Amino acid sequence: MRKLIDIPDEILKPLKILAVKKDKDLKNYIQDFLVHHVRKGK
């Protein structure tokens, strides 16, 4: 499912850096992070 989200500019740059460190593009980094966070909380 596709969803658009607004990410504040001051958060976007650090997110991009984290994605690069994990060798992922930003979309996949955020997607994997959210899936992991939800599964961990179950």
C-alpha atoms as a PDB file:
ATOM      1  CA  MET A   1       0.000   0.000   0.000  1.00  0.00           C
ATOM      2  CA  ARG A   2       1.322   3.413  -0.880  1.00  0.00           C
ATOM      3  CA  LYS A   3       1.037   6.311   1.548  1.00  0.00           C
ATOM      4  CA  LEU A   4       2.460   9.793   1.454  1.00  0.00           C
ATOM      5  CA  ILE A   5       3.911  11.177   4.653  1.00  0.00           C
ATOM      6  CA  ASP A   6       5.331  14.584   5.446  1.00  0.00           C
ATOM      7  CA  ILE A   7       8.749  14.525   7.063  1.00  0.00           C
ATOM      8  CA  PRO A   8      10.097  17.779   8.518  1.00  0.00           C
ATOM      9  CA  ASP A   9      13.212  19.079   6.761  1.00  0.00           C
ATOM     10  CA  GLU A  10      15.266  19.007   9.963  1.00  0.00           C
ATOM     11  CA  ILE A  11      14.558  15.262  10.271  1.00  0.00           C
ATOM     12  CA  LEU A  12      15.073  14.384   6.611  1.00  0.00           C
ATOM     13  CA  LYS A  13      18.845  14.924   6.477  1.00  0.00           C
ATOM     14  CA  PRO A  14      19.621  12.725   9.526  1.00  0.00           C
ATOM     15  CA  LEU A  15      17.270  10.060   8.125  1.00  0.00           C
ATOM     16  CA  LYS A  16      19.128  10.085   4.814  1.00  0.00           C
ATOM     17  CA  ILE A  17      22.441   9.678   6.647  1.00  0.00           C
ATOM     18  CA  LEU A  18      21.083   6.717   8.627  1.00  0.00           C
ATOM     19  CA  ALA A  19      19.819   5.115   5.412  1.00  0.00           C
ATOM     20  CA  VAL A  20      23.221   5.484   3.730  1.00  0.00           C
ATOM     21  CA  LYS A  21      24.920   3.927   6.767  1.00  0.00           C
ATOM     22  CA  LYS A  22      22.599   0.909   6.378  1.00  0.00           C
ATOM     23  CA  ASP A  23      23.304   0.828   2.608  1.00  0.00           C
ATOM     24  CA  LYS A  24      19.629   1.443   1.776  1.00  0.00           C
ATOM     25  CA  ASP A  25      17.695   4.109  -0.036  1.00  0.00           C
ATOM     26  CA  LEU A  26      15.548   6.366   2.134  1.00  0.00           C
ATOM     27  CA  LYS A  27      12.233   4.739   1.185  1.00  0.00           C
ATOM     28  CA  ASN A  28      13.387   1.240   2.052  1.00  0.00           C
ATOM     29  CA  TYR A  29      15.110   2.389   5.222  1.00  0.00           C
ATOM     30  CA  ILE A  30      11.939   4.022   6.548  1.00  0.00           C
ATOM     31  CA  GLN A  31       9.800   1.113   5.403  1.00  0.00           C
ATOM     32  CA  ASP A  32      12.018  -1.489   7.107  1.00  0.00           C
ATOM     33  CA  PHE A  33      12.271   0.632  10.250  1.00  0.00           C
ATOM     34  CA  LEU A  34       8.501   0.952  10.567  1.00  0.00           C
ATOM     35  CA  VAL A  35       7.875  -2.743   9.937  1.00  0.00           C
ATOM     36  CA  HIS A  36      10.523  -3.689  12.510  1.00  0.00           C
ATOM     37  CA  HIS A  37       9.116  -1.230  15.069  1.00  0.00           C
ATOM     38  CA  VAL A  38       5.570  -2.581  14.722  1.00  0.00           C
ATOM     39  CA  ARG A  39       6.638  -6.229  14.862  1.00  0.00           C
ATOM     40  CA  LYS A  40       8.776  -5.560  17.938  1.00  0.00           C
ATOM     41  CA  GLY A  41       5.805  -3.983  19.712  1.00  0.00           C
ATOM     42  CA  LYS A  42       3.518  -6.999  19.322  1.00  0.00           C
END
